Amino acid sequence: MLEEFLGREKTATVFAKGWVDVMIDVDRDSHGKEINERLKGKRDGGLPWMVILDGDGKEIASSNAEPENKNIGAPIQPEESAWFGVMLEKSRGDKVSKTELEALMADLEEYAKPKRRK
């Protein structure tokens, strides 16, 4: 679901300005489990799990939402989408403007709304 959202025309152009999306399949990619264990550690939550790293590989934000430290997975529910926005805000730097991030988040709302649990 996240890959589908990130590929949307409105989102892809903004996302590409500030982030590089790398999907690691823990079952099929070489060393996928080891990479997941190294980055995720003992944090709670299943898959998908996300982390945003800086250029030196240092963690900026993960999908373990504060303060509960619960993995948001694919950001569909309002609280999950909100935390995804926090992750992007923490890591956007100067390549993505506040207005561009707001447009990306509006596109997430449009994408997620019909997929939400009732």
C-alpha atoms as a PDB file:
ATOM      1  CA  MET A   1       0.000   0.000   0.000  1.00  0.00           C
ATOM      2  CA  LEU A   2       2.755   2.460   0.865  1.00  0.00           C
ATOM      3  CA  GLU A   3       4.566   1.767  -2.410  1.00  0.00           C
ATOM      4  CA  GLU A   4       1.332   2.441  -4.290  1.00  0.00           C
ATOM      5  CA  PHE A   5       0.859   5.744  -2.459  1.00  0.00           C
ATOM      6  CA  LEU A   6       4.463   6.850  -2.966  1.00  0.00           C
ATOM      7  CA  GLY A   7       4.075   6.173  -6.694  1.00  0.00           C
ATOM      8  CA  ARG A   8       1.130   8.548  -7.089  1.00  0.00           C
ATOM      9  CA  GLU A   9       1.907  11.475  -9.377  1.00  0.00           C
ATOM     10  CA  LYS A  10       1.215  14.167  -6.747  1.00  0.00           C
ATOM     11  CA  THR A  11       3.342  12.403  -4.171  1.00  0.00           C
ATOM     12  CA  ALA A  12       6.195  10.924  -6.191  1.00  0.00           C
ATOM     13  CA  THR A  13       7.581  14.262  -7.363  1.00  0.00           C
ATOM     14  CA  VAL A  14       7.688  15.706  -3.851  1.00  0.00           C
ATOM     15  CA  PHE A  15       8.951  12.502  -2.226  1.00  0.00           C
ATOM     16  CA  ALA A  16      11.801  12.191  -4.732  1.00  0.00           C
ATOM     17  CA  LYS A  17      13.067  15.662  -3.748  1.00  0.00           C
ATOM     18  CA  GLY A  18      13.733  14.702  -0.141  1.00  0.00           C
ATOM     19  CA  TRP A  19      13.855  10.955   0.301  1.00  0.00           C
ATOM     20  CA  VAL A  20      15.027   7.729  -1.316  1.00  0.00           C
ATOM     21  CA  ASP A  21      12.604   4.838  -0.874  1.00  0.00           C
ATOM     22  CA  VAL A  22      14.304   1.474  -0.370  1.00  0.00           C
ATOM     23  CA  MET A  23      12.153  -1.554   0.324  1.00  0.00           C
ATOM     24  CA  ILE A  24      13.848  -4.512   1.965  1.00  0.00           C
ATOM     25  CA  ASP A  25      12.038  -7.839   1.879  1.00  0.00           C
ATOM     26  CA  VAL A  26      13.100  -9.636   5.047  1.00  0.00           C
ATOM     27  CA  ASP A  27      12.359 -13.036   3.498  1.00  0.00           C
ATOM     28  CA  ARG A  28      13.612 -12.656  -0.076  1.00  0.00           C
ATOM     29  CA  ASP A  29      16.423 -10.093  -0.028  1.00  0.00           C
ATOM     30  CA  SER A  30      19.944 -11.187   0.838  1.00  0.00           C
ATOM     31  CA  HIS A  31      20.563 -10.235   4.464  1.00  0.00           C
ATOM     32  CA  GLY A  32      17.062  -8.722   4.710  1.00  0.00           C
ATOM     33  CA  LYS A  33      16.460 -10.169   8.170  1.00  0.00           C
ATOM     34  CA  GLU A  34      19.832  -8.973   9.417  1.00  0.00           C
ATOM     35  CA  ILE A  35      19.227  -5.443   8.120  1.00  0.00           C
ATOM     36  CA  ASN A  36      15.783  -5.391   9.732  1.00  0.00           C
ATOM     37  CA  GLU A  37      17.206  -6.613  13.047  1.00  0.00           C
ATOM     38  CA  ARG A  38      20.031  -4.059  12.962  1.00  0.00           C
ATOM     39  CA  LEU A  39      17.764  -1.100  12.211  1.00  0.00           C
ATOM     40  CA  LYS A  40      14.652  -2.109  14.129  1.00  0.00           C
ATOM     41  CA  GLY A  41      16.330  -3.737  17.098  1.00  0.00           C
ATOM     42  CA  LYS A  42      13.886  -4.900  19.751  1.00  0.00           C
ATOM     43  CA  ARG A  43      11.174  -2.402  18.875  1.00  0.00           C
ATOM     44  CA  ASP A  44       7.619  -3.648  18.710  1.00  0.00           C
ATOM     45  CA  GLY A  45       5.575  -4.125  15.568  1.00  0.00           C
ATOM     46  CA  GLY A  46       5.360  -6.216  12.462  1.00  0.00           C
ATOM     47  CA  LEU A  47       5.741  -5.341   8.832  1.00  0.00           C
ATOM     48  CA  PRO A  48       5.776  -2.983   7.134  1.00  0.00           C
ATOM     49  CA  TRP A  49       8.198  -1.177   9.368  1.00  0.00           C
ATOM     50  CA  MET A  50       9.914   2.031   8.268  1.00  0.00           C
ATOM     51  CA  VAL A  51      12.949   4.028   9.240  1.00  0.00           C
ATOM     52  CA  ILE A  52      14.298   7.272   7.826  1.00  0.00           C
ATOM     53  CA  LEU A  53      18.061   7.585   7.964  1.00  0.00           C
ATOM     54  CA  ASP A  54      20.312  10.554   7.330  1.00  0.00           C
ATOM     55  CA  GLY A  55      23.178  10.424   4.843  1.00  0.00           C
ATOM     56  CA  ASP A  56      25.438   8.856   7.461  1.00  0.00           C
ATOM     57  CA  GLY A  57      22.966   6.075   8.281  1.00  0.00           C
ATOM     58  CA  LYS A  58      21.846   7.645  11.566  1.00  0.00           C
ATOM     59  CA  GLU A  59      18.139   7.269  12.384  1.00  0.00           C
ATOM     60  CA  ILE A  60      16.006  10.389  12.110  1.00  0.00           C
ATOM     61  CA  ALA A  61      12.594   8.774  12.637  1.00  0.00           C
ATOM     62  CA  SER A  62      10.943   5.380  12.599  1.00  0.00           C
ATOM     63  CA  SER A  63       7.406   4.124  12.186  1.00  0.00           C
ATOM     64  CA  ASN A  64       7.275   3.389  15.913  1.00  0.00           C
ATOM     65  CA  ALA A  65       4.993   6.259  16.891  1.00  0.00           C
ATOM     66  CA  GLU A  66       5.690   8.155  20.080  1.00  0.00           C
ATOM     67  CA  PRO A  67       4.888   7.984  22.923  1.00  0.00           C
ATOM     68  CA  GLU A  68       3.523   4.411  22.725  1.00  0.00           C
ATOM     69  CA  ASN A  69       6.374   3.203  20.478  1.00  0.00           C
ATOM     70  CA  LYS A  70       3.805   1.279  18.392  1.00  0.00           C
ATOM     71  CA  ASN A  71       4.568   0.582  14.717  1.00  0.00           C
ATOM     72  CA  ILE A  72       2.141   2.417  12.428  1.00  0.00           C
ATOM     73  CA  GLY A  73       2.703   0.010   9.504  1.00  0.00           C
ATOM     74  CA  ALA A  74       1.122   1.362   6.329  1.00  0.00           C
ATOM     75  CA  PRO A  75      -0.157   4.857   7.218  1.00  0.00           C
ATOM     76  CA  ILE A  76      -3.885   4.487   6.540  1.00  0.00           C
ATOM     77  CA  GLN A  77      -5.690   5.256   9.811  1.00  0.00           C
ATOM     78  CA  PRO A  78      -5.699   8.951  10.868  1.00  0.00           C
ATOM     79  CA  GLU A  79      -3.221   8.438  13.715  1.00  0.00           C
ATOM     80  CA  GLU A  80      -0.897   6.435  11.427  1.00  0.00           C
ATOM     81  CA  SER A  81      -1.023   9.101   8.721  1.00  0.00           C
ATOM     82  CA  ALA A  82      -0.343  11.788  11.326  1.00  0.00           C
ATOM     83  CA  TRP A  83       2.783   9.979  12.550  1.00  0.00           C
ATOM     84  CA  PHE A  84       3.976   9.466   8.963  1.00  0.00           C
ATOM     85  CA  GLY A  85       3.703  13.243   8.589  1.00  0.00           C
ATOM     86  CA  VAL A  86       5.800  13.712  11.742  1.00  0.00           C
ATOM     87  CA  MET A  87       8.426  11.361  10.283  1.00  0.00           C
ATOM     88  CA  LEU A  88       8.559  13.355   7.065  1.00  0.00           C
ATOM     89  CA  GLU A  89       8.619  16.714   8.866  1.00  0.00           C
ATOM     90  CA  LYS A  90      11.544  15.570  11.044  1.00  0.00           C
ATOM     91  CA  SER A  91      13.508  14.535   7.981  1.00  0.00           C
ATOM     92  CA  ARG A  92      12.498  16.932   5.184  1.00  0.00           C
ATOM     93  CA  GLY A  93      15.490  19.227   5.515  1.00  0.00           C
ATOM     94  CA  ASP A  94      15.597  22.154   3.118  1.00  0.00           C
ATOM     95  CA  LYS A  95      14.865  20.222  -0.098  1.00  0.00           C
ATOM     96  CA  VAL A  96      11.126  19.904   0.573  1.00  0.00           C
ATOM     97  CA  SER A  97       9.141  22.978   1.538  1.00  0.00           C
ATOM     98  CA  LYS A  98       6.455  23.036   4.199  1.00  0.00           C
ATOM     99  CA  THR A  99       3.900  23.673   1.423  1.00  0.00           C
ATOM    100  CA  GLU A 100       5.114  20.646  -0.556  1.00  0.00           C
ATOM    101  CA  LEU A 101       4.931  18.468   2.548  1.00  0.00           C
ATOM    102  CA  GLU A 102       1.390  19.700   3.216  1.00  0.00           C
ATOM    103  CA  ALA A 103       0.425  18.779  -0.380  1.00  0.00           C
ATOM    104  CA  LEU A 104       1.946  15.318   0.068  1.00  0.00           C
ATOM    105  CA  MET A 105      -0.003  14.827   3.286  1.00  0.00           C
ATOM    106  CA  ALA A 106      -3.230  16.007   1.605  1.00  0.00           C
ATOM    107  CA  ASP A 107      -2.625  13.392  -1.090  1.00  0.00           C
ATOM    108  CA  LEU A 108      -2.131  10.758   1.626  1.00  0.00           C
ATOM    109  CA  GLU A 109      -5.468  11.739   3.145  1.00  0.00           C
ATOM    110  CA  GLU A 110      -7.160  11.418  -0.253  1.00  0.00           C
ATOM    111  CA  TYR A 111      -5.506   8.030  -0.817  1.00  0.00           C
ATOM    112  CA  ALA A 112      -6.089   6.637   2.685  1.00  0.00           C
ATOM    113  CA  LYS A 113      -9.635   7.768   3.419  1.00  0.00           C
ATOM    114  CA  PRO A 114     -11.493   5.115   1.369  1.00  0.00           C
ATOM    115  CA  LYS A 115      -9.183   2.381   2.725  1.00  0.00           C
ATOM    116  CA  ARG A 116      -9.794   3.094   6.427  1.00  0.00           C
ATOM    117  CA  ARG A 117     -11.434   0.667   8.803  1.00  0.00           C
ATOM    118  CA  LYS A 118     -14.925   1.739   9.767  1.00  0.00           C
END
